[in-house]
Amino acid sequence: GNAILVGDALLTLAFETLAMDNLLSAKKKILLIAELGKASGMAGMIGGQAEDIAAEGKKINLKTLHYIHSHKTGALITASCRMGAIIGNANKKVYNAISEYGKNIGLAFQITDDILNVIGDKSKTGKAVGSDARRKKATYPSLFGVEKSTIKAKKHIETAIRNIEILGHKAIPLKLIASNILNRVS
């Protein structure tokens, strides 16, 4: 119960922080609040989480798994990227490239999370290894195995990096973030 309340508090704090920012124009605040609201609500994280819960114990297809993963943490990662593009006054081409980058690293993050639940170290991940399998959760390893899931995560990272090539040298920090997703242990 407390964990849910903490999550609720942090989410509402994000909206409060955006609304109270003195450096952003009113127009940007509205765009940012809308982006965060969509990514965290039924069209994003909450919708993905609801589908994830509904899928427990059921056989699902790749389309459903993709929906779940792109709408959970993936939606928030994508929104973070888009919000940075909005704040940075990105043109439409750059905004779209960063959006695709965010979608792909979001999926890679979720796939890697699934893999860590199979082969990770509890002392590093903070949760019991194998908990997804015990709960019969829909995961990439449950559909494809660890090896194919790892390949899929790598492909998403490669796609993410390709999408931001248009940024030139400004893409370096984003490339490093993307690459580190595959190497994370928690």
C-alpha atoms as a PDB file:
ATOM      1  CA  GLY A   1       0.000   0.000   0.000  1.00  0.00           C
ATOM      2  CA  ASN A   2       2.764   2.453   0.894  1.00  0.00           C
ATOM      3  CA  ALA A   3       4.586   1.760  -2.359  1.00  0.00           C
ATOM      4  CA  ILE A   4       1.459   2.700  -4.324  1.00  0.00           C
ATOM      5  CA  LEU A   5       1.087   5.911  -2.325  1.00  0.00           C
ATOM      6  CA  VAL A   6       4.736   6.804  -2.902  1.00  0.00           C
ATOM      7  CA  GLY A   7       4.269   6.220  -6.642  1.00  0.00           C
ATOM      8  CA  ASP A   8       1.169   8.402  -6.641  1.00  0.00           C
ATOM      9  CA  ALA A   9       2.998  11.122  -4.730  1.00  0.00           C
ATOM     10  CA  LEU A  10       5.979  11.109  -7.093  1.00  0.00           C
ATOM     11  CA  LEU A  11       3.757  11.200 -10.159  1.00  0.00           C
ATOM     12  CA  THR A  12       1.741  14.157  -8.921  1.00  0.00           C
ATOM     13  CA  LEU A  13       4.972  15.883  -7.848  1.00  0.00           C
ATOM     14  CA  ALA A  14       6.171  15.664 -11.455  1.00  0.00           C
ATOM     15  CA  PHE A  15       3.101  17.590 -12.639  1.00  0.00           C
ATOM     16  CA  GLU A  16       3.475  20.121  -9.836  1.00  0.00           C
ATOM     17  CA  THR A  17       7.144  20.650 -10.686  1.00  0.00           C
ATOM     18  CA  LEU A  18       6.353  21.268 -14.345  1.00  0.00           C
ATOM     19  CA  ALA A  19       3.501  23.644 -13.531  1.00  0.00           C
ATOM     20  CA  MET A  20       5.583  25.678 -11.070  1.00  0.00           C
ATOM     21  CA  ASP A  21       8.719  26.004 -13.239  1.00  0.00           C
ATOM     22  CA  ASN A  22       9.643  29.650 -13.736  1.00  0.00           C
ATOM     23  CA  LEU A  23      11.876  29.140 -16.792  1.00  0.00           C
ATOM     24  CA  LEU A  24       9.353  27.500 -19.109  1.00  0.00           C
ATOM     25  CA  SER A  25       6.745  29.337 -21.140  1.00  0.00           C
ATOM     26  CA  ALA A  26       3.089  28.536 -20.496  1.00  0.00           C
ATOM     27  CA  LYS A  27       2.894  26.863 -23.933  1.00  0.00           C
ATOM     28  CA  LYS A  28       5.822  24.561 -23.176  1.00  0.00           C
ATOM     29  CA  LYS A  29       4.412  23.712 -19.761  1.00  0.00           C
ATOM     30  CA  ILE A  30       1.152  22.612 -21.380  1.00  0.00           C
ATOM     31  CA  LEU A  31       2.985  20.506 -23.980  1.00  0.00           C
ATOM     32  CA  LEU A  32       5.146  18.880 -21.291  1.00  0.00           C
ATOM     33  CA  ILE A  33       2.246  18.224 -18.936  1.00  0.00           C
ATOM     34  CA  ALA A  34       0.240  16.691 -21.800  1.00  0.00           C
ATOM     35  CA  GLU A  35       3.187  14.481 -22.789  1.00  0.00           C
ATOM     36  CA  LEU A  36       3.711  13.272 -19.228  1.00  0.00           C
ATOM     37  CA  GLY A  37      -0.025  12.797 -18.668  1.00  0.00           C
ATOM     38  CA  LYS A  38      -0.398  10.648 -21.775  1.00  0.00           C
ATOM     39  CA  ALA A  39       2.692   8.569 -20.970  1.00  0.00           C
ATOM     40  CA  SER A  40       1.689   7.921 -17.378  1.00  0.00           C
ATOM     41  CA  GLY A  41      -2.064   7.406 -17.869  1.00  0.00           C
ATOM     42  CA  MET A  42      -4.267   4.808 -19.567  1.00  0.00           C
ATOM     43  CA  ALA A  43      -2.616   5.465 -22.943  1.00  0.00           C
ATOM     44  CA  GLY A  44       0.767   4.787 -21.338  1.00  0.00           C
ATOM     45  CA  MET A  45       2.139   3.287 -18.152  1.00  0.00           C
ATOM     46  CA  ILE A  46      -1.141   2.571 -16.376  1.00  0.00           C
ATOM     47  CA  GLY A  47      -2.683   1.038 -19.497  1.00  0.00           C
ATOM     48  CA  GLY A  48       0.386  -1.139 -20.046  1.00  0.00           C
ATOM     49  CA  GLN A  49       0.465  -2.179 -16.416  1.00  0.00           C
ATOM     50  CA  ALA A  50      -3.236  -3.072 -16.507  1.00  0.00           C
ATOM     51  CA  GLU A  51      -2.656  -5.221 -19.609  1.00  0.00           C
ATOM     52  CA  ASP A  52       0.381  -6.789 -17.921  1.00  0.00           C
ATOM     53  CA  ILE A  53      -1.721  -7.807 -14.918  1.00  0.00           C
ATOM     54  CA  ALA A  54      -4.509  -9.114 -17.181  1.00  0.00           C
ATOM     55  CA  ALA A  55      -1.978 -11.220 -19.128  1.00  0.00           C
ATOM     56  CA  GLU A  56      -0.607 -13.034 -16.063  1.00  0.00           C
ATOM     57  CA  GLY A  57      -1.038 -16.777 -16.435  1.00  0.00           C
ATOM     58  CA  LYS A  58      -2.203 -16.507 -20.043  1.00  0.00           C
ATOM     59  CA  LYS A  59      -0.512 -17.318 -23.335  1.00  0.00           C
ATOM     60  CA  ILE A  60      -0.133 -14.092 -25.276  1.00  0.00           C
ATOM     61  CA  ASN A  61       1.240 -13.184 -28.687  1.00  0.00           C
ATOM     62  CA  LEU A  62       4.099 -10.846 -29.588  1.00  0.00           C
ATOM     63  CA  LYS A  63       1.703  -8.000 -30.448  1.00  0.00           C
ATOM     64  CA  THR A  64       0.257  -8.035 -26.910  1.00  0.00           C
ATOM     65  CA  LEU A  65       3.694  -8.330 -25.309  1.00  0.00           C
ATOM     66  CA  HIS A  66       4.948  -5.424 -27.421  1.00  0.00           C
ATOM     67  CA  TYR A  67       1.940  -3.363 -26.307  1.00  0.00           C
ATOM     68  CA  ILE A  68       2.612  -4.145 -22.639  1.00  0.00           C
ATOM     69  CA  HIS A  69       6.307  -3.324 -22.828  1.00  0.00           C
ATOM     70  CA  SER A  70       5.963  -0.173 -24.893  1.00  0.00           C
ATOM     71  CA  HIS A  71       3.266   1.159 -22.570  1.00  0.00           C
ATOM     72  CA  LYS A  72       4.893   0.533 -19.189  1.00  0.00           C
ATOM     73  CA  THR A  73       8.295   2.008 -18.400  1.00  0.00           C
ATOM     74  CA  GLY A  74       8.830   2.316 -22.140  1.00  0.00           C
ATOM     75  CA  ALA A  75       6.158   5.017 -22.353  1.00  0.00           C
ATOM     76  CA  LEU A  76       7.810   7.043 -19.606  1.00  0.00           C
ATOM     77  CA  ILE A  77      11.235   6.706 -21.221  1.00  0.00           C
ATOM     78  CA  THR A  78       9.802   7.829 -24.559  1.00  0.00           C
ATOM     79  CA  ALA A  79       8.053  10.761 -22.874  1.00  0.00           C
ATOM     80  CA  SER A  80      11.297  11.785 -21.165  1.00  0.00           C
ATOM     81  CA  CYS A  81      13.031  11.892 -24.534  1.00  0.00           C
ATOM     82  CA  ARG A  82      10.188  13.819 -26.142  1.00  0.00           C
ATOM     83  CA  MET A  83      10.048  16.268 -23.245  1.00  0.00           C
ATOM     84  CA  GLY A  84      13.759  16.973 -23.674  1.00  0.00           C
ATOM     85  CA  ALA A  85      13.143  17.623 -27.372  1.00  0.00           C
ATOM     86  CA  ILE A  86      10.287  20.000 -26.527  1.00  0.00           C
ATOM     87  CA  ILE A  87      12.401  21.929 -24.024  1.00  0.00           C
ATOM     88  CA  GLY A  88      15.253  22.055 -26.549  1.00  0.00           C
ATOM     89  CA  ASN A  89      12.999  23.492 -29.290  1.00  0.00           C
ATOM     90  CA  ALA A  90      13.577  20.527 -31.601  1.00  0.00           C
ATOM     91  CA  ASN A  91      12.167  20.719 -35.083  1.00  0.00           C
ATOM     92  CA  LYS A  92       9.705  18.045 -36.218  1.00  0.00           C
ATOM     93  CA  LYS A  93      12.399  15.847 -37.794  1.00  0.00           C
ATOM     94  CA  VAL A  94      14.526  15.840 -34.632  1.00  0.00           C
ATOM     95  CA  TYR A  95      11.461  15.383 -32.401  1.00  0.00           C
ATOM     96  CA  ASN A  96      10.432  12.321 -34.442  1.00  0.00           C
ATOM     97  CA  ALA A  97      13.969  10.905 -34.373  1.00  0.00           C
ATOM     98  CA  ILE A  98      14.178  11.329 -30.606  1.00  0.00           C
ATOM     99  CA  SER A  99      10.711   9.793 -30.230  1.00  0.00           C
ATOM    100  CA  GLU A 100      11.841   6.691 -32.129  1.00  0.00           C
ATOM    101  CA  TYR A 101      15.018   6.613 -30.048  1.00  0.00           C
ATOM    102  CA  GLY A 102      12.920   6.717 -26.874  1.00  0.00           C
ATOM    103  CA  LYS A 103      10.552   3.980 -28.055  1.00  0.00           C
ATOM    104  CA  ASN A 104      13.434   1.696 -28.890  1.00  0.00           C
ATOM    105  CA  ILE A 105      15.442   2.225 -25.719  1.00  0.00           C
ATOM    106  CA  GLY A 106      12.203   1.848 -23.756  1.00  0.00           C
ATOM    107  CA  LEU A 107      11.584  -1.558 -25.322  1.00  0.00           C
ATOM    108  CA  ALA A 108      15.226  -2.565 -24.878  1.00  0.00           C
ATOM    109  CA  PHE A 109      15.032  -1.528 -21.221  1.00  0.00           C
ATOM    110  CA  GLN A 110      11.932  -3.685 -20.639  1.00  0.00           C
ATOM    111  CA  ILE A 111      13.385  -6.670 -22.502  1.00  0.00           C
ATOM    112  CA  THR A 112      16.596  -6.367 -20.489  1.00  0.00           C
ATOM    113  CA  ASP A 113      14.507  -6.166 -17.324  1.00  0.00           C
ATOM    114  CA  ASP A 114      12.805  -9.433 -18.324  1.00  0.00           C
ATOM    115  CA  ILE A 115      16.187 -11.046 -18.956  1.00  0.00           C
ATOM    116  CA  LEU A 116      17.568  -9.881 -15.606  1.00  0.00           C
ATOM    117  CA  ASN A 117      14.584 -11.501 -13.923  1.00  0.00           C
ATOM    118  CA  VAL A 118      15.784 -14.807 -15.366  1.00  0.00           C
ATOM    119  CA  ILE A 119      19.574 -14.569 -15.060  1.00  0.00           C
ATOM    120  CA  GLY A 120      20.199 -11.539 -12.833  1.00  0.00           C
ATOM    121  CA  ASP A 121      21.651 -11.345  -9.349  1.00  0.00           C
ATOM    122  CA  LYS A 122      19.072 -10.620  -6.626  1.00  0.00           C
ATOM    123  CA  SER A 123      21.609  -8.555  -4.694  1.00  0.00           C
ATOM    124  CA  LYS A 124      21.917  -6.265  -7.729  1.00  0.00           C
ATOM    125  CA  THR A 125      18.392  -6.307  -9.174  1.00  0.00           C
ATOM    126  CA  GLY A 126      16.635  -5.880  -5.851  1.00  0.00           C
ATOM    127  CA  LYS A 127      14.016  -8.502  -6.661  1.00  0.00           C
ATOM    128  CA  ALA A 128      13.911 -12.245  -6.636  1.00  0.00           C
ATOM    129  CA  VAL A 129      15.240 -13.853  -9.795  1.00  0.00           C
ATOM    130  CA  GLY A 130      12.527 -15.943 -11.417  1.00  0.00           C
ATOM    131  CA  SER A 131       9.648 -13.980  -9.912  1.00  0.00           C
ATOM    132  CA  ASP A 132       8.179 -13.299 -13.375  1.00  0.00           C
ATOM    133  CA  ALA A 133       8.094 -17.020 -14.202  1.00  0.00           C
ATOM    134  CA  ARG A 134       6.531 -17.888 -10.841  1.00  0.00           C
ATOM    135  CA  ARG A 135       3.825 -15.279 -11.427  1.00  0.00           C
ATOM    136  CA  LYS A 136       3.450 -16.469 -15.036  1.00  0.00           C
ATOM    137  CA  LYS A 137       4.047 -12.960 -16.341  1.00  0.00           C
ATOM    138  CA  ALA A 138       4.233 -12.209 -20.040  1.00  0.00           C
ATOM    139  CA  THR A 139       7.908 -11.626 -20.834  1.00  0.00           C
ATOM    140  CA  TYR A 140      10.257 -11.804 -23.795  1.00  0.00           C
ATOM    141  CA  PRO A 141      12.208 -14.740 -22.306  1.00  0.00           C
ATOM    142  CA  SER A 142       8.956 -16.656 -21.744  1.00  0.00           C
ATOM    143  CA  LEU A 143       8.118 -16.256 -25.448  1.00  0.00           C
ATOM    144  CA  PHE A 144      11.584 -16.387 -27.029  1.00  0.00           C
ATOM    145  CA  GLY A 145      14.128 -17.524 -24.443  1.00  0.00           C
ATOM    146  CA  VAL A 146      17.023 -15.482 -23.069  1.00  0.00           C
ATOM    147  CA  GLU A 147      19.281 -15.683 -26.139  1.00  0.00           C
ATOM    148  CA  LYS A 148      16.688 -14.469 -28.672  1.00  0.00           C
ATOM    149  CA  SER A 149      15.465 -11.845 -26.202  1.00  0.00           C
ATOM    150  CA  THR A 150      19.017 -10.514 -25.893  1.00  0.00           C
ATOM    151  CA  ILE A 151      19.247 -10.292 -29.689  1.00  0.00           C
ATOM    152  CA  LYS A 152      15.933  -8.401 -29.797  1.00  0.00           C
ATOM    153  CA  ALA A 153      17.137  -5.940 -27.132  1.00  0.00           C
ATOM    154  CA  LYS A 154      20.355  -5.343 -29.104  1.00  0.00           C
ATOM    155  CA  LYS A 155      18.369  -4.700 -32.292  1.00  0.00           C
ATOM    156  CA  HIS A 156      16.256  -2.096 -30.495  1.00  0.00           C
ATOM    157  CA  ILE A 157      19.419  -0.375 -29.256  1.00  0.00           C
ATOM    158  CA  GLU A 158      20.899  -0.392 -32.767  1.00  0.00           C
ATOM    159  CA  THR A 159      17.672   1.092 -34.146  1.00  0.00           C
ATOM    160  CA  ALA A 160      17.634   3.729 -31.403  1.00  0.00           C
ATOM    161  CA  ILE A 161      21.191   4.784 -32.200  1.00  0.00           C
ATOM    162  CA  ARG A 162      20.495   4.910 -35.947  1.00  0.00           C
ATOM    163  CA  ASN A 163      17.524   7.196 -35.289  1.00  0.00           C
ATOM    164  CA  ILE A 164      19.628   9.834 -33.564  1.00  0.00           C
ATOM    165  CA  GLU A 165      22.491   9.916 -36.072  1.00  0.00           C
ATOM    166  CA  ILE A 166      20.951  13.132 -37.420  1.00  0.00           C
ATOM    167  CA  LEU A 167      22.041  14.837 -34.188  1.00  0.00           C
ATOM    168  CA  GLY A 168      25.718  14.410 -35.033  1.00  0.00           C
ATOM    169  CA  HIS A 169      28.046  14.849 -32.066  1.00  0.00           C
ATOM    170  CA  LYS A 170      25.114  15.890 -29.866  1.00  0.00           C
ATOM    171  CA  ALA A 171      23.953  12.253 -30.008  1.00  0.00           C
ATOM    172  CA  ILE A 172      26.979  10.965 -28.080  1.00  0.00           C
ATOM    173  CA  PRO A 173      25.373  11.092 -24.585  1.00  0.00           C
ATOM    174  CA  LEU A 174      22.197   9.454 -25.928  1.00  0.00           C
ATOM    175  CA  LYS A 175      24.255   6.720 -27.598  1.00  0.00           C
ATOM    176  CA  LEU A 176      26.026   6.043 -24.295  1.00  0.00           C
ATOM    177  CA  ILE A 177      22.713   5.794 -22.463  1.00  0.00           C
ATOM    178  CA  ALA A 178      21.401   3.377 -25.069  1.00  0.00           C
ATOM    179  CA  SER A 179      24.526   1.214 -24.939  1.00  0.00           C
ATOM    180  CA  ASN A 180      24.456   1.059 -21.148  1.00  0.00           C
ATOM    181  CA  ILE A 181      20.943  -0.393 -21.164  1.00  0.00           C
ATOM    182  CA  LEU A 182      22.318  -3.675 -22.515  1.00  0.00           C
ATOM    183  CA  ASN A 183      25.057  -3.791 -19.890  1.00  0.00           C
ATOM    184  CA  ARG A 184      22.982  -2.989 -16.833  1.00  0.00           C
ATOM    185  CA  VAL A 185      22.816  -5.410 -13.934  1.00  0.00           C
ATOM    186  CA  SER A 186      19.966  -3.814 -12.006  1.00  0.00           C
END
